[in-house]
Amino acid sequence: NLAAAALALAIAGSATGSFAETVVNAD
């Protein structure tokens, strides 16, 4: 069940372009 949930989250994140980004604004 955890694996299925993780896969669903990854697919959703990939579709929106918002999965686990790192934003860098400082030197």
PDB file of all heavy atoms in Angstrom:
ATOM      1  N   ASN A   1       0.816  -1.206   0.000  1.00  0.00           N
ATOM      2  CA  ASN A   1       0.000   0.000   0.000  1.00  0.00           C
ATOM      3  C   ASN A   1       0.861   1.273   0.000  1.00  0.00           C
ATOM      4  O   ASN A   1       0.547   2.254  -0.671  1.00  0.00           O
ATOM      5  CB  ASN A   1      -0.921   0.012   1.224  1.00  0.00           C
ATOM      6  CG  ASN A   1      -2.008  -1.051   1.114  1.00  0.00           C
ATOM      7  OD1 ASN A   1      -2.316  -1.502   0.011  1.00  0.00           O
ATOM      8  ND2 ASN A   1      -2.578  -1.445   2.238  1.00  0.00           N
ATOM      9  N   LEU A   2       1.973   1.231   0.773  1.00  0.00           N
ATOM     10  CA  LEU A   2       2.860   2.386   0.796  1.00  0.00           C
ATOM     11  C   LEU A   2       3.502   2.613  -0.575  1.00  0.00           C
ATOM     12  O   LEU A   2       3.628   3.747  -1.046  1.00  0.00           O
ATOM     13  CB  LEU A   2       3.953   2.199   1.847  1.00  0.00           C
ATOM     14  CG  LEU A   2       3.521   2.368   3.311  1.00  0.00           C
ATOM     15  CD1 LEU A   2       4.674   2.016   4.233  1.00  0.00           C
ATOM     16  CD2 LEU A   2       3.054   3.799   3.564  1.00  0.00           C
ATOM     17  N   ALA A   3       3.879   1.523  -1.219  1.00  0.00           N
ATOM     18  CA  ALA A   3       4.479   1.643  -2.545  1.00  0.00           C
ATOM     19  C   ALA A   3       3.491   2.219  -3.541  1.00  0.00           C
ATOM     20  O   ALA A   3       3.836   3.070  -4.370  1.00  0.00           O
ATOM     21  CB  ALA A   3       4.974   0.276  -3.022  1.00  0.00           C
ATOM     22  N   ALA A   4       2.255   1.757  -3.481  1.00  0.00           N
ATOM     23  CA  ALA A   4       1.229   2.278  -4.384  1.00  0.00           C
ATOM     24  C   ALA A   4       0.984   3.763  -4.141  1.00  0.00           C
ATOM     25  O   ALA A   4       0.835   4.555  -5.072  1.00  0.00           O
ATOM     26  CB  ALA A   4      -0.067   1.485  -4.206  1.00  0.00           C
ATOM     27  N   ALA A   5       0.964   4.140  -2.860  1.00  0.00           N
ATOM     28  CA  ALA A   5       0.756   5.547  -2.536  1.00  0.00           C
ATOM     29  C   ALA A   5       1.910   6.408  -3.038  1.00  0.00           C
ATOM     30  O   ALA A   5       1.720   7.507  -3.566  1.00  0.00           O
ATOM     31  CB  ALA A   5       0.588   5.719  -1.021  1.00  0.00           C
ATOM     32  N   ALA A   6       3.128   5.897  -2.858  1.00  0.00           N
ATOM     33  CA  ALA A   6       4.306   6.649  -3.314  1.00  0.00           C
ATOM     34  C   ALA A   6       4.288   6.816  -4.828  1.00  0.00           C
ATOM     35  O   ALA A   6       4.610   7.886  -5.353  1.00  0.00           O
ATOM     36  CB  ALA A   6       5.584   5.936  -2.878  1.00  0.00           C
ATOM     37  N   LEU A   7       3.890   5.749  -5.549  1.00  0.00           N
ATOM     38  CA  LEU A   7       3.828   5.826  -7.005  1.00  0.00           C
ATOM     39  C   LEU A   7       2.784   6.845  -7.444  1.00  0.00           C
ATOM     40  O   LEU A   7       3.010   7.651  -8.352  1.00  0.00           O
ATOM     41  CB  LEU A   7       3.514   4.452  -7.583  1.00  0.00           C
ATOM     42  CG  LEU A   7       3.358   4.400  -9.102  1.00  0.00           C
ATOM     43  CD1 LEU A   7       4.649   4.843  -9.780  1.00  0.00           C
ATOM     44  CD2 LEU A   7       2.977   2.988  -9.540  1.00  0.00           C
ATOM     45  N   ALA A   8       1.636   6.839  -6.798  1.00  0.00           N
ATOM     46  CA  ALA A   8       0.582   7.792  -7.148  1.00  0.00           C
ATOM     47  C   ALA A   8       1.036   9.226  -6.910  1.00  0.00           C
ATOM     48  O   ALA A   8       0.785  10.123  -7.717  1.00  0.00           O
ATOM     49  CB  ALA A   8      -0.683   7.498  -6.319  1.00  0.00           C
ATOM     50  N   LEU A   9       1.763   9.452  -5.788  1.00  0.00           N
ATOM     51  CA  LEU A   9       2.255  10.787  -5.490  1.00  0.00           C
ATOM     52  C   LEU A   9       3.285  11.233  -6.523  1.00  0.00           C
ATOM     53  O   LEU A   9       3.282  12.377  -6.986  1.00  0.00           O
ATOM     54  CB  LEU A   9       2.875  10.808  -4.085  1.00  0.00           C
ATOM     55  CG  LEU A   9       3.434  12.160  -3.609  1.00  0.00           C
ATOM     56  CD1 LEU A   9       2.338  13.215  -3.597  1.00  0.00           C
ATOM     57  CD2 LEU A   9       4.064  12.012  -2.233  1.00  0.00           C
ATOM     58  N   ALA A  10       4.157  10.303  -6.916  1.00  0.00           N
ATOM     59  CA  ALA A  10       5.176  10.641  -7.912  1.00  0.00           C
ATOM     60  C   ALA A  10       4.539  11.013  -9.236  1.00  0.00           C
ATOM     61  O   ALA A  10       4.942  11.972  -9.889  1.00  0.00           O
ATOM     62  CB  ALA A  10       6.129   9.465  -8.091  1.00  0.00           C
ATOM     63  N   ILE A  11       3.519  10.241  -9.646  1.00  0.00           N
ATOM     64  CA  ILE A  11       2.837  10.537 -10.904  1.00  0.00           C
ATOM     65  C   ILE A  11       2.146  11.893 -10.837  1.00  0.00           C
ATOM     66  O   ILE A  11       2.234  12.706 -11.755  1.00  0.00           O
ATOM     67  CB  ILE A  11       1.824   9.422 -11.245  1.00  0.00           C
ATOM     68  CG1 ILE A  11       2.586   8.118 -11.557  1.00  0.00           C
ATOM     69  CG2 ILE A  11       0.950   9.824 -12.410  1.00  0.00           C
ATOM     70  CD1 ILE A  11       1.680   6.917 -11.725  1.00  0.00           C
ATOM     71  N   ALA A  12       1.481  12.169  -9.721  1.00  0.00           N
ATOM     72  CA  ALA A  12       0.805  13.448  -9.568  1.00  0.00           C
ATOM     73  C   ALA A  12       1.805  14.594  -9.588  1.00  0.00           C
ATOM     74  O   ALA A  12       1.593  15.627 -10.226  1.00  0.00           O
ATOM     75  CB  ALA A  12      -0.002  13.470  -8.265  1.00  0.00           C
ATOM     76  N   GLY A  13       2.939  14.411  -8.879  1.00  0.00           N
ATOM     77  CA  GLY A  13       3.952  15.452  -8.856  1.00  0.00           C
ATOM     78  C   GLY A  13       4.541  15.711 -10.221  1.00  0.00           C
ATOM     79  O   GLY A  13       4.755  16.852 -10.609  1.00  0.00           O
ATOM     80  N   SER A  14       4.789  14.647 -10.970  1.00  0.00           N
ATOM     81  CA  SER A  14       5.350  14.813 -12.301  1.00  0.00           C
ATOM     82  C   SER A  14       4.388  15.542 -13.217  1.00  0.00           C
ATOM     83  O   SER A  14       4.784  16.337 -14.056  1.00  0.00           O
ATOM     84  CB  SER A  14       5.699  13.436 -12.894  1.00  0.00           C
ATOM     85  OG  SER A  14       6.678  12.797 -12.100  1.00  0.00           O
ATOM     86  N   ALA A  15       3.110  15.294 -13.066  1.00  0.00           N
ATOM     87  CA  ALA A  15       2.114  15.926 -13.939  1.00  0.00           C
ATOM     88  C   ALA A  15       2.033  17.425 -13.693  1.00  0.00           C
ATOM     89  O   ALA A  15       1.824  18.207 -14.612  1.00  0.00           O
ATOM     90  CB  ALA A  15       0.744  15.283 -13.706  1.00  0.00           C
ATOM     91  N   THR A  16       2.204  17.859 -12.434  1.00  0.00           N
ATOM     92  CA  THR A  16       2.082  19.278 -12.124  1.00  0.00           C
ATOM     93  C   THR A  16       3.404  20.001 -12.167  1.00  0.00           C
ATOM     94  O   THR A  16       3.455  21.222 -12.137  1.00  0.00           O
ATOM     95  CB  THR A  16       1.470  19.462 -10.719  1.00  0.00           C
ATOM     96  OG1 THR A  16       2.359  18.865  -9.758  1.00  0.00           O
ATOM     97  CG2 THR A  16       0.120  18.815 -10.626  1.00  0.00           C
ATOM     98  N   GLY A  17       4.519  19.237 -12.212  1.00  0.00           N
ATOM     99  CA  GLY A  17       5.821  19.879 -12.188  1.00  0.00           C
ATOM    100  C   GLY A  17       6.185  20.386 -10.809  1.00  0.00           C
ATOM    101  O   GLY A  17       7.037  21.244 -10.668  1.00  0.00           O
ATOM    102  N   SER A  18       5.586  19.893  -9.725  1.00  0.00           N
ATOM    103  CA  SER A  18       5.800  20.442  -8.391  1.00  0.00           C
ATOM    104  C   SER A  18       6.289  19.392  -7.408  1.00  0.00           C
ATOM    105  O   SER A  18       6.141  19.548  -6.218  1.00  0.00           O
ATOM    106  CB  SER A  18       4.496  21.058  -7.867  1.00  0.00           C
ATOM    107  OG  SER A  18       3.493  20.062  -7.782  1.00  0.00           O
ATOM    108  N   PHE A  19       6.874  18.312  -7.900  1.00  0.00           N
ATOM    109  CA  PHE A  19       7.279  17.223  -7.018  1.00  0.00           C
ATOM    110  C   PHE A  19       8.712  17.424  -6.548  1.00  0.00           C
ATOM    111  O   PHE A  19       9.650  17.342  -7.320  1.00  0.00           O
ATOM    112  CB  PHE A  19       7.146  15.883  -7.737  1.00  0.00           C
ATOM    113  CG  PHE A  19       7.489  14.706  -6.869  1.00  0.00           C
ATOM    114  CD1 PHE A  19       6.674  14.360  -5.813  1.00  0.00           C
ATOM    115  CD2 PHE A  19       8.625  13.967  -7.126  1.00  0.00           C
ATOM    116  CE1 PHE A  19       6.979  13.278  -5.029  1.00  0.00           C
ATOM    117  CE2 PHE A  19       8.939  12.885  -6.338  1.00  0.00           C
ATOM    118  CZ  PHE A  19       8.120  12.527  -5.279  1.00  0.00           C
ATOM    119  N   ALA A  20       8.891  17.748  -5.274  1.00  0.00           N
ATOM    120  CA  ALA A  20      10.194  17.757  -4.614  1.00  0.00           C
ATOM    121  C   ALA A  20      11.205  18.715  -5.238  1.00  0.00           C
ATOM    122  O   ALA A  20      12.376  18.405  -5.350  1.00  0.00           O
ATOM    123  CB  ALA A  20      10.766  16.345  -4.586  1.00  0.00           C
ATOM    124  N   GLU A  21      10.748  19.897  -5.642  1.00  0.00           N
ATOM    125  CA  GLU A  21      11.700  20.884  -6.141  1.00  0.00           C
ATOM    126  C   GLU A  21      12.509  21.490  -5.006  1.00  0.00           C
ATOM    127  O   GLU A  21      12.075  21.525  -3.850  1.00  0.00           O
ATOM    128  CB  GLU A  21      10.971  22.017  -6.881  1.00  0.00           C
ATOM    129  CG  GLU A  21      10.366  21.629  -8.196  1.00  0.00           C
ATOM    130  CD  GLU A  21       8.928  21.143  -8.080  1.00  0.00           C
ATOM    131  OE1 GLU A  21       8.445  21.004  -6.934  1.00  0.00           O
ATOM    132  OE2 GLU A  21       8.297  20.921  -9.121  1.00  0.00           O
ATOM    133  N   THR A  22      13.684  22.008  -5.340  1.00  0.00           N
ATOM    134  CA  THR A  22      14.497  22.781  -4.404  1.00  0.00           C
ATOM    135  C   THR A  22      14.665  24.175  -4.981  1.00  0.00           C
ATOM    136  O   THR A  22      15.210  24.340  -6.077  1.00  0.00           O
ATOM    137  CB  THR A  22      15.880  22.136  -4.209  1.00  0.00           C
ATOM    138  OG1 THR A  22      15.721  20.818  -3.673  1.00  0.00           O
ATOM    139  CG2 THR A  22      16.731  22.963  -3.263  1.00  0.00           C
ATOM    140  N   VAL A  23      14.176  25.177  -4.298  1.00  0.00           N
ATOM    141  CA  VAL A  23      14.258  26.563  -4.766  1.00  0.00           C
ATOM    142  C   VAL A  23      15.473  27.222  -4.125  1.00  0.00           C
ATOM    143  O   VAL A  23      15.644  27.193  -2.908  1.00  0.00           O
ATOM    144  CB  VAL A  23      12.973  27.337  -4.431  1.00  0.00           C
ATOM    145  CG1 VAL A  23      13.093  28.792  -4.889  1.00  0.00           C
ATOM    146  CG2 VAL A  23      11.763  26.669  -5.058  1.00  0.00           C
ATOM    147  N   VAL A  24      16.320  27.841  -4.956  1.00  0.00           N
ATOM    148  CA  VAL A  24      17.545  28.475  -4.479  1.00  0.00           C
ATOM    149  C   VAL A  24      17.482  29.966  -4.800  1.00  0.00           C
ATOM    150  O   VAL A  24      17.382  30.354  -5.971  1.00  0.00           O
ATOM    151  CB  VAL A  24      18.789  27.850  -5.131  1.00  0.00           C
ATOM    152  CG1 VAL A  24      20.059  28.532  -4.623  1.00  0.00           C
ATOM    153  CG2 VAL A  24      18.840  26.355  -4.858  1.00  0.00           C
ATOM    154  N   ASN A  25      17.548  30.777  -3.766  1.00  0.00           N
ATOM    155  CA  ASN A  25      17.523  32.227  -3.937  1.00  0.00           C
ATOM    156  C   ASN A  25      18.702  32.925  -3.280  1.00  0.00           C
ATOM    157  O   ASN A  25      18.777  34.156  -3.294  1.00  0.00           O
ATOM    158  CB  ASN A  25      16.228  32.810  -3.366  1.00  0.00           C
ATOM    159  CG  ASN A  25      15.022  32.528  -4.240  1.00  0.00           C
ATOM    160  OD1 ASN A  25      15.037  32.813  -5.435  1.00  0.00           O
ATOM    161  ND2 ASN A  25      13.991  31.944  -3.657  1.00  0.00           N
ATOM    162  N   ALA A  26      19.613  32.169  -2.666  1.00  0.00           N
ATOM    163  CA  ALA A  26      20.742  32.752  -1.952  1.00  0.00           C
ATOM    164  C   ALA A  26      22.049  32.206  -2.512  1.00  0.00           C
ATOM    165  O   ALA A  26      22.109  31.083  -3.027  1.00  0.00           O
ATOM    166  CB  ALA A  26      20.637  32.438  -0.457  1.00  0.00           C
ATOM    167  N   ASP A  27      23.105  32.995  -2.380  1.00  0.00           N
ATOM    168  CA  ASP A  27      24.413  32.584  -2.858  1.00  0.00           C
ATOM    169  C   ASP A  27      24.898  31.334  -2.130  1.00  0.00           C
ATOM    170  O   ASP A  27      24.519  31.064  -0.981  1.00  0.00           O
ATOM    171  CB  ASP A  27      25.431  33.706  -2.661  1.00  0.00           C
ATOM    172  CG  ASP A  27      25.176  34.904  -3.556  1.00  0.00           C
ATOM    173  OD1 ASP A  27      24.481  34.745  -4.577  1.00  0.00           O
ATOM    174  OD2 ASP A  27      25.663  36.006  -3.228  1.00  0.00           O
TER     175      ASP A  27
END
